[in-house]
Amino acid sequence: MLTNQAYKPINCDDYDNLELACQNRWTLALTLKNGEQLQAVAEDISSRKNVEYLTVSVAREQRTLRLDEITSFSHRELGTIVISEAD
């Protein structure tokens, strides 16, 4: 987990796609920077202390991920999105 590192905002288009996934409660295939892969329902995006988080449901358990921990996500409506840092 990158919690001890400074947060690096993600690209606005990638953020917008995650917001769309939350609005539709889509199940995403997520790949994290630590190599973990999971299938999770996108629930909400929030910000705390200048760090943005994606709340997901994995096997009916809620989990919160820093957006800069996510390498990529995919859904049939979006294709595969590789997260990039904001300019």
PDB file of N, CA and C in Angstrom:
ATOM      1  N   MET A   1       0.835  -1.187   0.000  1.00  0.00           N
ATOM      2  CA  MET A   1       0.000   0.000   0.000  1.00  0.00           C
ATOM      3  C   MET A   1       0.876   1.246   0.000  1.00  0.00           C
ATOM      4  N   LEU A   2       0.450   2.274  -0.680  1.00  0.00           N
ATOM      5  CA  LEU A   2       1.252   3.478  -0.849  1.00  0.00           C
ATOM      6  C   LEU A   2       0.943   4.572   0.159  1.00  0.00           C
ATOM      7  N   THR A   3       0.337   4.253   1.253  1.00  0.00           N
ATOM      8  CA  THR A   3      -0.163   5.281   2.161  1.00  0.00           C
ATOM      9  C   THR A   3       0.922   6.183   2.733  1.00  0.00           C
ATOM     10  N   ASN A   4       2.175   5.756   2.763  1.00  0.00           N
ATOM     11  CA  ASN A   4       3.244   6.601   3.292  1.00  0.00           C
ATOM     12  C   ASN A   4       3.837   7.509   2.222  1.00  0.00           C
ATOM     13  N   GLN A   5       3.447   7.319   0.981  1.00  0.00           N
ATOM     14  CA  GLN A   5       3.958   8.132  -0.103  1.00  0.00           C
ATOM     15  C   GLN A   5       2.996   9.277  -0.399  1.00  0.00           C
ATOM     16  N   ALA A   6       3.543  10.364  -0.964  1.00  0.00           N
ATOM     17  CA  ALA A   6       2.704  11.504  -1.336  1.00  0.00           C
ATOM     18  C   ALA A   6       1.710  11.065  -2.407  1.00  0.00           C
ATOM     19  N   TYR A   7       0.496  11.551  -2.293  1.00  0.00           N
ATOM     20  CA  TYR A   7      -0.545  11.212  -3.255  1.00  0.00           C
ATOM     21  C   TYR A   7      -0.276  11.906  -4.578  1.00  0.00           C
ATOM     22  N   LYS A   8      -0.427  11.168  -5.678  1.00  0.00           N
ATOM     23  CA  LYS A   8      -0.271  11.717  -7.022  1.00  0.00           C
ATOM     24  C   LYS A   8      -1.618  11.609  -7.724  1.00  0.00           C
ATOM     25  N   PRO A   9      -2.296  12.731  -7.952  1.00  0.00           N
ATOM     26  CA  PRO A   9      -3.620  12.694  -8.602  1.00  0.00           C
ATOM     27  C   PRO A   9      -3.556  11.987  -9.949  1.00  0.00           C
ATOM     28  N   ILE A  10      -4.683  11.356 -10.303  1.00  0.00           N
ATOM     29  CA  ILE A  10      -4.749  10.671 -11.585  1.00  0.00           C
ATOM     30  C   ILE A  10      -5.323  11.603 -12.648  1.00  0.00           C
ATOM     31  N   ASN A  11      -5.152  11.214 -13.889  1.00  0.00           N
ATOM     32  CA  ASN A  11      -5.656  11.958 -15.034  1.00  0.00           C
ATOM     33  C   ASN A  11      -7.167  12.168 -14.906  1.00  0.00           C
ATOM     34  N   CYS A  12      -7.654  13.329 -15.302  1.00  0.00           N
ATOM     35  CA  CYS A  12      -9.085  13.676 -15.185  1.00  0.00           C
ATOM     36  C   CYS A  12      -9.991  12.720 -15.957  1.00  0.00           C
ATOM     37  N   ASP A  13      -9.576  12.287 -17.146  1.00  0.00           N
ATOM     38  CA  ASP A  13     -10.396  11.362 -17.925  1.00  0.00           C
ATOM     39  C   ASP A  13     -10.542  10.022 -17.199  1.00  0.00           C
ATOM     40  N   ASP A  14      -9.463   9.554 -16.589  1.00  0.00           N
ATOM     41  CA  ASP A  14      -9.510   8.296 -15.834  1.00  0.00           C
ATOM     42  C   ASP A  14     -10.431   8.447 -14.627  1.00  0.00           C
ATOM     43  N   TYR A  15     -10.335   9.595 -13.956  1.00  0.00           N
ATOM     44  CA  TYR A  15     -11.207   9.890 -12.812  1.00  0.00           C
ATOM     45  C   TYR A  15     -12.674   9.888 -13.257  1.00  0.00           C
ATOM     46  N   ASP A  16     -12.951  10.544 -14.374  1.00  0.00           N
ATOM     47  CA  ASP A  16     -14.330  10.602 -14.889  1.00  0.00           C
ATOM     48  C   ASP A  16     -14.869   9.204 -15.190  1.00  0.00           C
ATOM     49  N   ASN A  17     -14.023   8.335 -15.732  1.00  0.00           N
ATOM     50  CA  ASN A  17     -14.458   6.968 -16.008  1.00  0.00           C
ATOM     51  C   ASN A  17     -14.749   6.201 -14.721  1.00  0.00           C
ATOM     52  N   LEU A  18     -13.976   6.453 -13.666  1.00  0.00           N
ATOM     53  CA  LEU A  18     -14.264   5.816 -12.383  1.00  0.00           C
ATOM     54  C   LEU A  18     -15.575   6.360 -11.793  1.00  0.00           C
ATOM     55  N   GLU A  19     -15.822   7.662 -11.955  1.00  0.00           N
ATOM     56  CA  GLU A  19     -17.095   8.229 -11.500  1.00  0.00           C
ATOM     57  C   GLU A  19     -18.274   7.590 -12.223  1.00  0.00           C
ATOM     58  N   LEU A  20     -18.143   7.401 -13.530  1.00  0.00           N
ATOM     59  CA  LEU A  20     -19.190   6.756 -14.320  1.00  0.00           C
ATOM     60  C   LEU A  20     -19.430   5.327 -13.824  1.00  0.00           C
ATOM     61  N   ALA A  21     -18.365   4.631 -13.527  1.00  0.00           N
ATOM     62  CA  ALA A  21     -18.481   3.262 -13.006  1.00  0.00           C
ATOM     63  C   ALA A  21     -19.216   3.259 -11.671  1.00  0.00           C
ATOM     64  N   CYS A  22     -18.948   4.246 -10.829  1.00  0.00           N
ATOM     65  CA  CYS A  22     -19.634   4.339  -9.531  1.00  0.00           C
ATOM     66  C   CYS A  22     -21.123   4.646  -9.724  1.00  0.00           C
ATOM     67  N   GLN A  23     -21.424   5.583 -10.613  1.00  0.00           N
ATOM     68  CA  GLN A  23     -22.817   5.954 -10.857  1.00  0.00           C
ATOM     69  C   GLN A  23     -23.633   4.751 -11.323  1.00  0.00           C
ATOM     70  N   ASN A  24     -23.007   3.875 -12.091  1.00  0.00           N
ATOM     71  CA  ASN A  24     -23.691   2.706 -12.634  1.00  0.00           C
ATOM     72  C   ASN A  24     -23.463   1.437 -11.814  1.00  0.00           C
ATOM     73  N   ARG A  25     -22.649   1.569 -10.763  1.00  0.00           N
ATOM     74  CA  ARG A  25     -22.307   0.423  -9.902  1.00  0.00           C
ATOM     75  C   ARG A  25     -21.818  -0.771 -10.729  1.00  0.00           C
ATOM     76  N   TRP A  26     -20.894  -0.455 -11.638  1.00  0.00           N
ATOM     77  CA  TRP A  26     -20.338  -1.484 -12.504  1.00  0.00           C
ATOM     78  C   TRP A  26     -19.331  -2.339 -11.748  1.00  0.00           C
ATOM     79  N   THR A  27     -19.266  -3.595 -12.117  1.00  0.00           N
ATOM     80  CA  THR A  27     -18.213  -4.478 -11.616  1.00  0.00           C
ATOM     81  C   THR A  27     -16.988  -4.266 -12.487  1.00  0.00           C
ATOM     82  N   LEU A  28     -15.901  -3.895 -11.857  1.00  0.00           N
ATOM     83  CA  LEU A  28     -14.654  -3.612 -12.554  1.00  0.00           C
ATOM     84  C   LEU A  28     -13.629  -4.708 -12.287  1.00  0.00           C
ATOM     85  N   ALA A  29     -12.818  -4.972 -13.286  1.00  0.00           N
ATOM     86  CA  ALA A  29     -11.625  -5.790 -13.090  1.00  0.00           C
ATOM     87  C   ALA A  29     -10.505  -4.794 -12.807  1.00  0.00           C
ATOM     88  N   LEU A  30      -9.987  -4.814 -11.591  1.00  0.00           N
ATOM     89  CA  LEU A  30      -8.972  -3.853 -11.159  1.00  0.00           C
ATOM     90  C   LEU A  30      -7.619  -4.535 -11.017  1.00  0.00           C
ATOM     91  N   THR A  31      -6.572  -3.832 -11.421  1.00  0.00           N
ATOM     92  CA  THR A  31      -5.211  -4.266 -11.159  1.00  0.00           C
ATOM     93  C   THR A  31      -4.548  -3.169 -10.347  1.00  0.00           C
ATOM     94  N   LEU A  32      -3.971  -3.559  -9.218  1.00  0.00           N
ATOM     95  CA  LEU A  32      -3.318  -2.604  -8.332  1.00  0.00           C
ATOM     96  C   LEU A  32      -1.809  -2.617  -8.548  1.00  0.00           C
ATOM     97  N   LYS A  33      -1.147  -1.559  -8.120  1.00  0.00           N
ATOM     98  CA  LYS A  33       0.303  -1.438  -8.310  1.00  0.00           C
ATOM     99  C   LYS A  33       1.078  -2.531  -7.582  1.00  0.00           C
ATOM    100  N   ASN A  34       0.491  -3.109  -6.538  1.00  0.00           N
ATOM    101  CA  ASN A  34       1.172  -4.192  -5.827  1.00  0.00           C
ATOM    102  C   ASN A  34       0.982  -5.543  -6.512  1.00  0.00           C
ATOM    103  N   GLY A  35       0.311  -5.547  -7.682  1.00  0.00           N
ATOM    104  CA  GLY A  35       0.105  -6.769  -8.448  1.00  0.00           C
ATOM    105  C   GLY A  35      -1.221  -7.460  -8.178  1.00  0.00           C
ATOM    106  N   GLU A  36      -1.922  -7.045  -7.146  1.00  0.00           N
ATOM    107  CA  GLU A  36      -3.206  -7.658  -6.817  1.00  0.00           C
ATOM    108  C   GLU A  36      -4.225  -7.369  -7.913  1.00  0.00           C
ATOM    109  N   GLN A  37      -5.030  -8.382  -8.226  1.00  0.00           N
ATOM    110  CA  GLN A  37      -6.114  -8.226  -9.188  1.00  0.00           C
ATOM    111  C   GLN A  37      -7.409  -8.605  -8.496  1.00  0.00           C
ATOM    112  N   LEU A  38      -8.454  -7.822  -8.738  1.00  0.00           N
ATOM    113  CA  LEU A  38      -9.726  -8.129  -8.112  1.00  0.00           C
ATOM    114  C   LEU A  38     -10.891  -7.700  -8.969  1.00  0.00           C
ATOM    115  N   GLN A  39     -12.000  -8.360  -8.744  1.00  0.00           N
ATOM    116  CA  GLN A  39     -13.282  -8.002  -9.351  1.00  0.00           C
ATOM    117  C   GLN A  39     -14.064  -7.297  -8.253  1.00  0.00           C
ATOM    118  N   ALA A  40     -14.489  -6.076  -8.506  1.00  0.00           N
ATOM    119  CA  ALA A  40     -15.131  -5.302  -7.454  1.00  0.00           C
ATOM    120  C   ALA A  40     -16.197  -4.384  -8.031  1.00  0.00           C
ATOM    121  N   VAL A  41     -17.262  -4.177  -7.260  1.00  0.00           N
ATOM    122  CA  VAL A  41     -18.322  -3.249  -7.647  1.00  0.00           C
ATOM    123  C   VAL A  41     -17.899  -1.845  -7.221  1.00  0.00           C
ATOM    124  N   ALA A  42     -17.850  -0.927  -8.181  1.00  0.00           N
ATOM    125  CA  ALA A  42     -17.502   0.468  -7.889  1.00  0.00           C
ATOM    126  C   ALA A  42     -18.673   1.123  -7.165  1.00  0.00           C
ATOM    127  N   GLU A  43     -18.403   1.721  -6.007  1.00  0.00           N
ATOM    128  CA  GLU A  43     -19.465   2.322  -5.204  1.00  0.00           C
ATOM    129  C   GLU A  43     -19.371   3.833  -5.090  1.00  0.00           C
ATOM    130  N   ASP A  44     -18.191   4.363  -4.789  1.00  0.00           N
ATOM    131  CA  ASP A  44     -18.097   5.797  -4.513  1.00  0.00           C
ATOM    132  C   ASP A  44     -16.658   6.266  -4.649  1.00  0.00           C
ATOM    133  N   ILE A  45     -16.503   7.548  -4.963  1.00  0.00           N
ATOM    134  CA  ILE A  45     -15.201   8.203  -4.937  1.00  0.00           C
ATOM    135  C   ILE A  45     -15.282   9.289  -3.873  1.00  0.00           C
ATOM    136  N   SER A  46     -14.259   9.356  -3.044  1.00  0.00           N
ATOM    137  CA  SER A  46     -14.243  10.371  -1.985  1.00  0.00           C
ATOM    138  C   SER A  46     -12.841  10.955  -1.868  1.00  0.00           C
ATOM    139  N   SER A  47     -12.760  12.057  -1.145  1.00  0.00           N
ATOM    140  CA  SER A  47     -11.489  12.724  -0.926  1.00  0.00           C
ATOM    141  C   SER A  47     -11.352  13.042   0.561  1.00  0.00           C
ATOM    142  N   ARG A  48     -10.195  12.689   1.104  1.00  0.00           N
ATOM    143  CA  ARG A  48      -9.891  12.994   2.500  1.00  0.00           C
ATOM    144  C   ARG A  48      -8.440  13.458   2.586  1.00  0.00           C
ATOM    145  N   LYS A  49      -8.240  14.609   3.170  1.00  0.00           N
ATOM    146  CA  LYS A  49      -6.894  15.166   3.350  1.00  0.00           C
ATOM    147  C   LYS A  49      -6.106  15.168   2.038  1.00  0.00           C
ATOM    148  N   ASN A  50      -6.752  15.640   0.972  1.00  0.00           N
ATOM    149  CA  ASN A  50      -6.140  15.782  -0.356  1.00  0.00           C
ATOM    150  C   ASN A  50      -5.723  14.456  -0.997  1.00  0.00           C
ATOM    151  N   VAL A  51      -6.337  13.373  -0.575  1.00  0.00           N
ATOM    152  CA  VAL A  51      -6.105  12.061  -1.172  1.00  0.00           C
ATOM    153  C   VAL A  51      -7.459  11.535  -1.640  1.00  0.00           C
ATOM    154  N   GLU A  52      -7.502  11.032  -2.884  1.00  0.00           N
ATOM    155  CA  GLU A  52      -8.758  10.535  -3.447  1.00  0.00           C
ATOM    156  C   GLU A  52      -8.810   9.013  -3.338  1.00  0.00           C
ATOM    157  N   TYR A  53     -10.010   8.510  -3.020  1.00  0.00           N
ATOM    158  CA  TYR A  53     -10.213   7.085  -2.782  1.00  0.00           C
ATOM    159  C   TYR A  53     -11.393   6.565  -3.591  1.00  0.00           C
ATOM    160  N   LEU A  54     -11.289   5.307  -4.001  1.00  0.00           N
ATOM    161  CA  LEU A  54     -12.386   4.580  -4.621  1.00  0.00           C
ATOM    162  C   LEU A  54     -12.859   3.545  -3.618  1.00  0.00           C
ATOM    163  N   THR A  55     -14.151   3.588  -3.294  1.00  0.00           N
ATOM    164  CA  THR A  55     -14.739   2.577  -2.434  1.00  0.00           C
ATOM    165  C   THR A  55     -15.377   1.529  -3.325  1.00  0.00           C
ATOM    166  N   VAL A  56     -15.006   0.281  -3.067  1.00  0.00           N
ATOM    167  CA  VAL A  56     -15.524  -0.832  -3.862  1.00  0.00           C
ATOM    168  C   VAL A  56     -16.071  -1.902  -2.927  1.00  0.00           C
ATOM    169  N   SER A  57     -16.872  -2.773  -3.501  1.00  0.00           N
ATOM    170  CA  SER A  57     -17.387  -3.921  -2.775  1.00  0.00           C
ATOM    171  C   SER A  57     -16.790  -5.172  -3.408  1.00  0.00           C
ATOM    172  N   VAL A  58     -16.064  -5.935  -2.592  1.00  0.00           N
ATOM    173  CA  VAL A  58     -15.434  -7.173  -3.044  1.00  0.00           C
ATOM    174  C   VAL A  58     -16.023  -8.303  -2.218  1.00  0.00           C
ATOM    175  N   ALA A  59     -16.737  -9.200  -2.869  1.00  0.00           N
ATOM    176  CA  ALA A  59     -17.369 -10.328  -2.169  1.00  0.00           C
ATOM    177  C   ALA A  59     -18.170  -9.827  -0.962  1.00  0.00           C
ATOM    178  N   ARG A  60     -18.935  -8.767  -1.206  1.00  0.00           N
ATOM    179  CA  ARG A  60     -19.820  -8.151  -0.207  1.00  0.00           C
ATOM    180  C   ARG A  60     -19.100  -7.480   0.965  1.00  0.00           C
ATOM    181  N   GLU A  61     -17.812  -7.293   0.832  1.00  0.00           N
ATOM    182  CA  GLU A  61     -17.051  -6.550   1.837  1.00  0.00           C
ATOM    183  C   GLU A  61     -16.562  -5.259   1.198  1.00  0.00           C
ATOM    184  N   GLN A  62     -16.710  -4.158   1.930  1.00  0.00           N
ATOM    185  CA  GLN A  62     -16.306  -2.859   1.420  1.00  0.00           C
ATOM    186  C   GLN A  62     -14.799  -2.690   1.584  1.00  0.00           C
ATOM    187  N   ARG A  63     -14.198  -2.090   0.569  1.00  0.00           N
ATOM    188  CA  ARG A  63     -12.760  -1.846   0.588  1.00  0.00           C
ATOM    189  C   ARG A  63     -12.514  -0.469  -0.006  1.00  0.00           C
ATOM    190  N   THR A  64     -11.551   0.262   0.522  1.00  0.00           N
ATOM    191  CA  THR A  64     -11.226   1.599   0.043  1.00  0.00           C
ATOM    192  C   THR A  64      -9.816   1.584  -0.531  1.00  0.00           C
ATOM    193  N   LEU A  65      -9.697   2.045  -1.779  1.00  0.00           N
ATOM    194  CA  LEU A  65      -8.421   2.055  -2.487  1.00  0.00           C
ATOM    195  C   LEU A  65      -8.032   3.484  -2.847  1.00  0.00           C
ATOM    196  N   ARG A  66      -6.785   3.834  -2.600  1.00  0.00           N
ATOM    197  CA  ARG A  66      -6.296   5.117  -3.103  1.00  0.00           C
ATOM    198  C   ARG A  66      -6.262   5.040  -4.617  1.00  0.00           C
ATOM    199  N   LEU A  67      -6.694   6.114  -5.280  1.00  0.00           N
ATOM    200  CA  LEU A  67      -6.732   6.089  -6.736  1.00  0.00           C
ATOM    201  C   LEU A  67      -5.342   5.886  -7.338  1.00  0.00           C
ATOM    202  N   ASP A  68      -4.310   6.394  -6.680  1.00  0.00           N
ATOM    203  CA  ASP A  68      -2.954   6.222  -7.226  1.00  0.00           C
ATOM    204  C   ASP A  68      -2.375   4.842  -6.945  1.00  0.00           C
ATOM    205  N   GLU A  69      -3.138   3.958  -6.299  1.00  0.00           N
ATOM    206  CA  GLU A  69      -2.729   2.563  -6.115  1.00  0.00           C
ATOM    207  C   GLU A  69      -3.205   1.698  -7.280  1.00  0.00           C
ATOM    208  N   ILE A  70      -4.125   2.236  -8.092  1.00  0.00           N
ATOM    209  CA  ILE A  70      -4.727   1.469  -9.178  1.00  0.00           C
ATOM    210  C   ILE A  70      -3.887   1.631 -10.445  1.00  0.00           C
ATOM    211  N   THR A  71      -3.504   0.509 -11.033  1.00  0.00           N
ATOM    212  CA  THR A  71      -2.750   0.525 -12.286  1.00  0.00           C
ATOM    213  C   THR A  71      -3.699   0.608 -13.470  1.00  0.00           C
ATOM    214  N   SER A  72      -4.764  -0.220 -13.424  1.00  0.00           N
ATOM    215  CA  SER A  72      -5.724  -0.234 -14.518  1.00  0.00           C
ATOM    216  C   SER A  72      -7.056  -0.792 -14.036  1.00  0.00           C
ATOM    217  N   PHE A  73      -8.092  -0.530 -14.836  1.00  0.00           N
ATOM    218  CA  PHE A  73      -9.403  -1.110 -14.564  1.00  0.00           C
ATOM    219  C   PHE A  73     -10.100  -1.334 -15.891  1.00  0.00           C
ATOM    220  N   SER A  74     -11.025  -2.271 -15.905  1.00  0.00           N
ATOM    221  CA  SER A  74     -11.737  -2.523 -17.150  1.00  0.00           C
ATOM    222  C   SER A  74     -13.185  -2.916 -16.894  1.00  0.00           C
ATOM    223  N   HIS A  75     -13.987  -2.624 -17.900  1.00  0.00           N
ATOM    224  CA  HIS A  75     -15.406  -2.961 -17.930  1.00  0.00           C
ATOM    225  C   HIS A  75     -15.804  -2.982 -19.394  1.00  0.00           C
ATOM    226  N   ARG A  76     -16.776  -3.795 -19.755  1.00  0.00           N
ATOM    227  CA  ARG A  76     -17.140  -3.924 -21.177  1.00  0.00           C
ATOM    228  C   ARG A  76     -17.601  -2.604 -21.789  1.00  0.00           C
ATOM    229  N   GLU A  77     -18.174  -1.706 -20.990  1.00  0.00           N
ATOM    230  CA  GLU A  77     -18.624  -0.404 -21.501  1.00  0.00           C
ATOM    231  C   GLU A  77     -17.467   0.576 -21.703  1.00  0.00           C
ATOM    232  N   LEU A  78     -16.365   0.358 -20.988  1.00  0.00           N
ATOM    233  CA  LEU A  78     -15.241   1.291 -21.023  1.00  0.00           C
ATOM    234  C   LEU A  78     -14.025   0.749 -21.755  1.00  0.00           C
ATOM    235  N   GLY A  79     -13.922  -0.567 -21.828  1.00  0.00           N
ATOM    236  CA  GLY A  79     -12.680  -1.169 -22.292  1.00  0.00           C
ATOM    237  C   GLY A  79     -11.710  -1.205 -21.121  1.00  0.00           C
ATOM    238  N   THR A  80     -10.438  -1.279 -21.426  1.00  0.00           N
ATOM    239  CA  THR A  80      -9.413  -1.271 -20.377  1.00  0.00           C
ATOM    240  C   THR A  80      -8.795   0.113 -20.301  1.00  0.00           C
ATOM    241  N   ILE A  81      -8.778   0.651 -19.095  1.00  0.00           N
ATOM    242  CA  ILE A  81      -8.212   1.983 -18.839  1.00  0.00           C
ATOM    243  C   ILE A  81      -6.942   1.803 -18.035  1.00  0.00           C
ATOM    244  N   VAL A  82      -5.829   2.270 -18.567  1.00  0.00           N
ATOM    245  CA  VAL A  82      -4.562   2.271 -17.819  1.00  0.00           C
ATOM    246  C   VAL A  82      -4.448   3.656 -17.199  1.00  0.00           C
ATOM    247  N   ILE A  83      -4.392   3.684 -15.881  1.00  0.00           N
ATOM    248  CA  ILE A  83      -4.366   4.962 -15.147  1.00  0.00           C
ATOM    249  C   ILE A  83      -3.066   5.702 -15.407  1.00  0.00           C
ATOM    250  N   SER A  84      -3.189   6.983 -15.672  1.00  0.00           N
ATOM    251  CA  SER A  84      -1.999   7.832 -15.795  1.00  0.00           C
ATOM    252  C   SER A  84      -2.134   8.982 -14.804  1.00  0.00           C
ATOM    253  N   GLU A  85      -0.991   9.543 -14.452  1.00  0.00           N
ATOM    254  CA  GLU A  85      -0.977  10.661 -13.512  1.00  0.00           C
ATOM    255  C   GLU A  85      -1.488  11.927 -14.196  1.00  0.00           C
ATOM    256  N   ALA A  86      -2.018  12.833 -13.391  1.00  0.00           N
ATOM    257  CA  ALA A  86      -2.485  14.126 -13.904  1.00  0.00           C
ATOM    258  C   ALA A  86      -1.289  14.908 -14.443  1.00  0.00           C
ATOM    259  N   ASP A  87      -1.567  15.721 -15.454  1.00  0.00           N
ATOM    260  CA  ASP A  87      -0.514  16.560 -16.033  1.00  0.00           C
ATOM    261  C   ASP A  87      -0.204  17.735 -15.168  1.00  0.00           C
TER     262      ASP A  87
END
